[in-house]
Amino acid sequence: MSSQPNNPLHGLTLEKIVTELQSHYGWDGLYYRIKINCFSNDPSIKSSLKFLRRTQWARDKVEQLYISTFVKNGLN
């Protein structure tokens, strides 16, 4: 089994990442930071996950926001 000690997202699911960001910022706050429609047009965790799993550039932005919000600030 390979270990990823330097990967701050290791062990986190996309659902957990989106849920924590949504709890922290709210949908409006997420849309303000990352302009993707799944955060503004009838947003839900389920619809956001569906979009993010198909769209790598958007997923990368969400993961980067998670790192800058929780990992770099020591909140995780």
N, C-alpha and C. Protein backbone atom coordinates (compact mmCIF):
# COMPACT_ATOMS: atom_id res chain seq x y z
N MET A 1 0.84 -1.17 0.00
CA MET A 1 0.00 0.00 0.00
C MET A 1 0.89 1.24 0.00
N SER A 2 0.62 2.16 -0.92
CA SER A 2 1.46 3.35 -1.02
C SER A 2 0.94 4.45 -0.10
N SER A 3 1.87 5.14 0.50
CA SER A 3 1.54 6.23 1.40
C SER A 3 1.78 7.55 0.69
N GLN A 4 0.98 8.56 1.01
CA GLN A 4 1.13 9.88 0.40
C GLN A 4 1.22 10.94 1.49
N PRO A 5 2.32 10.95 2.23
CA PRO A 5 2.41 11.86 3.37
C PRO A 5 2.40 13.34 2.99
N ASN A 6 2.79 13.68 1.77
CA ASN A 6 2.85 15.08 1.36
C ASN A 6 1.61 15.54 0.59
N ASN A 7 0.62 14.68 0.45
CA ASN A 7 -0.60 15.02 -0.26
C ASN A 7 -1.66 15.43 0.77
N PRO A 8 -1.99 16.72 0.84
CA PRO A 8 -2.95 17.17 1.85
C PRO A 8 -4.37 16.66 1.62
N LEU A 9 -4.66 16.15 0.43
CA LEU A 9 -5.99 15.64 0.13
C LEU A 9 -6.08 14.12 0.30
N HIS A 10 -4.98 13.50 0.67
CA HIS A 10 -4.97 12.05 0.82
C HIS A 10 -6.01 11.60 1.86
N GLY A 11 -6.84 10.67 1.47
CA GLY A 11 -7.85 10.14 2.37
C GLY A 11 -9.15 10.91 2.37
N LEU A 12 -9.22 12.02 1.65
CA LEU A 12 -10.45 12.81 1.58
C LEU A 12 -11.22 12.47 0.31
N THR A 13 -12.52 12.33 0.45
CA THR A 13 -13.35 12.13 -0.73
C THR A 13 -13.77 13.49 -1.27
N LEU A 14 -14.14 13.50 -2.54
CA LEU A 14 -14.62 14.74 -3.14
C LEU A 14 -15.88 15.22 -2.42
N GLU A 15 -16.72 14.29 -1.99
CA GLU A 15 -17.94 14.66 -1.27
C GLU A 15 -17.60 15.38 0.05
N LYS A 16 -16.61 14.89 0.76
CA LYS A 16 -16.21 15.52 2.02
C LYS A 16 -15.64 16.92 1.76
N ILE A 17 -14.86 17.06 0.71
CA ILE A 17 -14.28 18.35 0.36
C ILE A 17 -15.37 19.37 0.05
N VAL A 18 -16.32 18.98 -0.81
CA VAL A 18 -17.39 19.90 -1.19
C VAL A 18 -18.27 20.22 0.01
N THR A 19 -18.58 19.22 0.82
CA THR A 19 -19.43 19.43 1.99
C THR A 19 -18.79 20.39 2.98
N GLU A 20 -17.51 20.23 3.24
CA GLU A 20 -16.82 21.13 4.18
C GLU A 20 -16.71 22.54 3.63
N LEU A 21 -16.44 22.67 2.33
CA LEU A 21 -16.37 24.01 1.74
C LEU A 21 -17.73 24.69 1.77
N GLN A 22 -18.79 23.92 1.49
CA GLN A 22 -20.13 24.49 1.49
C GLN A 22 -20.53 24.92 2.91
N SER A 23 -20.17 24.13 3.88
CA SER A 23 -20.47 24.50 5.27
C SER A 23 -19.71 25.75 5.69
N HIS A 24 -18.50 25.89 5.21
CA HIS A 24 -17.65 27.03 5.58
C HIS A 24 -18.07 28.32 4.85
N TYR A 25 -18.27 28.23 3.53
CA TYR A 25 -18.53 29.42 2.72
C TYR A 25 -20.00 29.61 2.35
N GLY A 26 -20.78 28.54 2.31
CA GLY A 26 -22.13 28.61 1.76
C GLY A 26 -22.05 28.57 0.24
N TRP A 27 -23.19 28.38 -0.41
CA TRP A 27 -23.18 28.28 -1.88
C TRP A 27 -22.77 29.61 -2.52
N ASP A 28 -23.28 30.72 -1.97
CA ASP A 28 -22.93 32.03 -2.53
C ASP A 28 -21.43 32.30 -2.41
N GLY A 29 -20.86 31.93 -1.29
CA GLY A 29 -19.43 32.11 -1.08
C GLY A 29 -18.59 31.25 -2.01
N LEU A 30 -19.05 30.04 -2.25
CA LEU A 30 -18.34 29.16 -3.19
C LEU A 30 -18.40 29.73 -4.60
N TYR A 31 -19.59 30.19 -4.99
CA TYR A 31 -19.72 30.76 -6.33
C TYR A 31 -18.87 32.02 -6.47
N TYR A 32 -18.79 32.83 -5.43
CA TYR A 32 -17.97 34.03 -5.46
C TYR A 32 -16.50 33.68 -5.71
N ARG A 33 -16.04 32.58 -5.12
CA ARG A 33 -14.64 32.18 -5.23
C ARG A 33 -14.35 31.36 -6.49
N ILE A 34 -15.32 30.54 -6.91
CA ILE A 34 -15.15 29.69 -8.10
C ILE A 34 -16.42 29.82 -8.93
N LYS A 35 -16.32 30.51 -10.04
CA LYS A 35 -17.48 30.81 -10.87
C LYS A 35 -17.89 29.61 -11.72
N ILE A 36 -18.57 28.66 -11.10
CA ILE A 36 -19.14 27.53 -11.84
C ILE A 36 -20.61 27.43 -11.48
N ASN A 37 -21.44 27.14 -12.48
CA ASN A 37 -22.89 27.17 -12.32
C ASN A 37 -23.42 26.21 -11.28
N CYS A 38 -22.74 25.12 -11.04
CA CYS A 38 -23.27 24.15 -10.07
C CYS A 38 -23.28 24.73 -8.65
N PHE A 39 -22.61 25.86 -8.43
CA PHE A 39 -22.63 26.53 -7.13
C PHE A 39 -23.66 27.66 -7.08
N SER A 40 -24.26 28.02 -8.22
CA SER A 40 -25.20 29.15 -8.22
C SER A 40 -26.59 28.77 -8.71
N ASN A 41 -26.69 27.84 -9.63
CA ASN A 41 -27.96 27.50 -10.25
C ASN A 41 -28.55 26.26 -9.57
N ASP A 42 -29.42 26.45 -8.59
CA ASP A 42 -30.06 25.37 -7.83
C ASP A 42 -29.00 24.41 -7.28
N PRO A 43 -28.09 24.93 -6.44
CA PRO A 43 -26.95 24.13 -5.98
C PRO A 43 -27.34 23.02 -5.00
N SER A 44 -26.63 21.91 -5.11
CA SER A 44 -26.74 20.82 -4.15
C SER A 44 -25.42 20.06 -4.16
N ILE A 45 -25.19 19.32 -3.11
CA ILE A 45 -23.96 18.51 -3.05
C ILE A 45 -23.97 17.51 -4.21
N LYS A 46 -25.10 16.85 -4.42
CA LYS A 46 -25.19 15.81 -5.46
C LYS A 46 -24.91 16.37 -6.85
N SER A 47 -25.53 17.50 -7.21
CA SER A 47 -25.30 18.06 -8.54
C SER A 47 -23.87 18.58 -8.70
N SER A 48 -23.32 19.14 -7.62
CA SER A 48 -21.94 19.61 -7.67
C SER A 48 -20.97 18.46 -7.87
N LEU A 49 -21.19 17.36 -7.15
CA LEU A 49 -20.32 16.20 -7.30
C LEU A 49 -20.37 15.65 -8.72
N LYS A 50 -21.56 15.59 -9.28
CA LYS A 50 -21.72 15.07 -10.64
C LYS A 50 -20.91 15.91 -11.62
N PHE A 51 -21.01 17.23 -11.51
CA PHE A 51 -20.26 18.12 -12.39
C PHE A 51 -18.76 18.02 -12.15
N LEU A 52 -18.35 18.04 -10.90
CA LEU A 52 -16.92 18.04 -10.59
C LEU A 52 -16.24 16.74 -10.98
N ARG A 53 -16.96 15.64 -10.93
CA ARG A 53 -16.37 14.36 -11.34
C ARG A 53 -16.15 14.29 -12.84
N ARG A 54 -16.89 15.08 -13.60
CA ARG A 54 -16.75 15.09 -15.06
C ARG A 54 -15.85 16.20 -15.57
N THR A 55 -15.54 17.18 -14.72
CA THR A 55 -14.85 18.38 -15.18
C THR A 55 -13.59 18.60 -14.34
N GLN A 56 -12.46 18.17 -14.86
CA GLN A 56 -11.21 18.17 -14.09
C GLN A 56 -10.77 19.57 -13.69
N TRP A 57 -10.88 20.55 -14.60
CA TRP A 57 -10.42 21.91 -14.25
C TRP A 57 -11.19 22.47 -13.07
N ALA A 58 -12.49 22.19 -13.01
CA ALA A 58 -13.30 22.68 -11.89
C ALA A 58 -12.94 21.96 -10.61
N ARG A 59 -12.72 20.65 -10.72
CA ARG A 59 -12.33 19.87 -9.54
C ARG A 59 -10.99 20.38 -9.00
N ASP A 60 -10.07 20.68 -9.88
CA ASP A 60 -8.77 21.21 -9.45
C ASP A 60 -8.94 22.51 -8.67
N LYS A 61 -9.83 23.39 -9.12
CA LYS A 61 -10.06 24.65 -8.42
C LYS A 61 -10.68 24.42 -7.05
N VAL A 62 -11.61 23.48 -6.96
CA VAL A 62 -12.25 23.17 -5.68
C VAL A 62 -11.22 22.59 -4.71
N GLU A 63 -10.39 21.68 -5.19
CA GLU A 63 -9.37 21.08 -4.34
C GLU A 63 -8.37 22.15 -3.87
N GLN A 64 -8.01 23.06 -4.75
CA GLN A 64 -7.08 24.13 -4.38
C GLN A 64 -7.70 25.06 -3.34
N LEU A 65 -8.99 25.36 -3.48
CA LEU A 65 -9.67 26.18 -2.49
C LEU A 65 -9.70 25.47 -1.14
N TYR A 66 -9.93 24.17 -1.14
CA TYR A 66 -9.94 23.41 0.10
C TYR A 66 -8.58 23.50 0.79
N ILE A 67 -7.52 23.31 0.02
CA ILE A 67 -6.17 23.36 0.59
C ILE A 67 -5.88 24.75 1.15
N SER A 68 -6.20 25.79 0.38
CA SER A 68 -5.90 27.14 0.86
C SER A 68 -6.77 27.54 2.04
N THR A 69 -7.95 26.97 2.15
CA THR A 69 -8.85 27.31 3.25
C THR A 69 -8.53 26.54 4.52
N PHE A 70 -8.39 25.24 4.41
CA PHE A 70 -8.29 24.40 5.60
C PHE A 70 -6.88 23.90 5.92
N VAL A 71 -6.11 23.55 4.91
CA VAL A 71 -4.80 22.96 5.16
C VAL A 71 -3.77 24.03 5.48
N LYS A 72 -3.68 25.06 4.67
CA LYS A 72 -2.68 26.11 4.89
C LYS A 72 -2.97 26.92 6.13
N ASN A 73 -4.23 26.99 6.55
CA ASN A 73 -4.60 27.73 7.75
C ASN A 73 -4.58 26.85 8.98
N GLY A 74 -4.31 25.57 8.80
CA GLY A 74 -4.24 24.66 9.93
C GLY A 74 -5.58 24.31 10.53
N LEU A 75 -6.65 24.46 9.76
CA LEU A 75 -7.99 24.17 10.28
C LEU A 75 -8.38 22.71 10.11
N ASN A 76 -7.61 21.97 9.37
CA ASN A 76 -7.96 20.57 9.13
C ASN A 76 -7.27 19.67 10.10
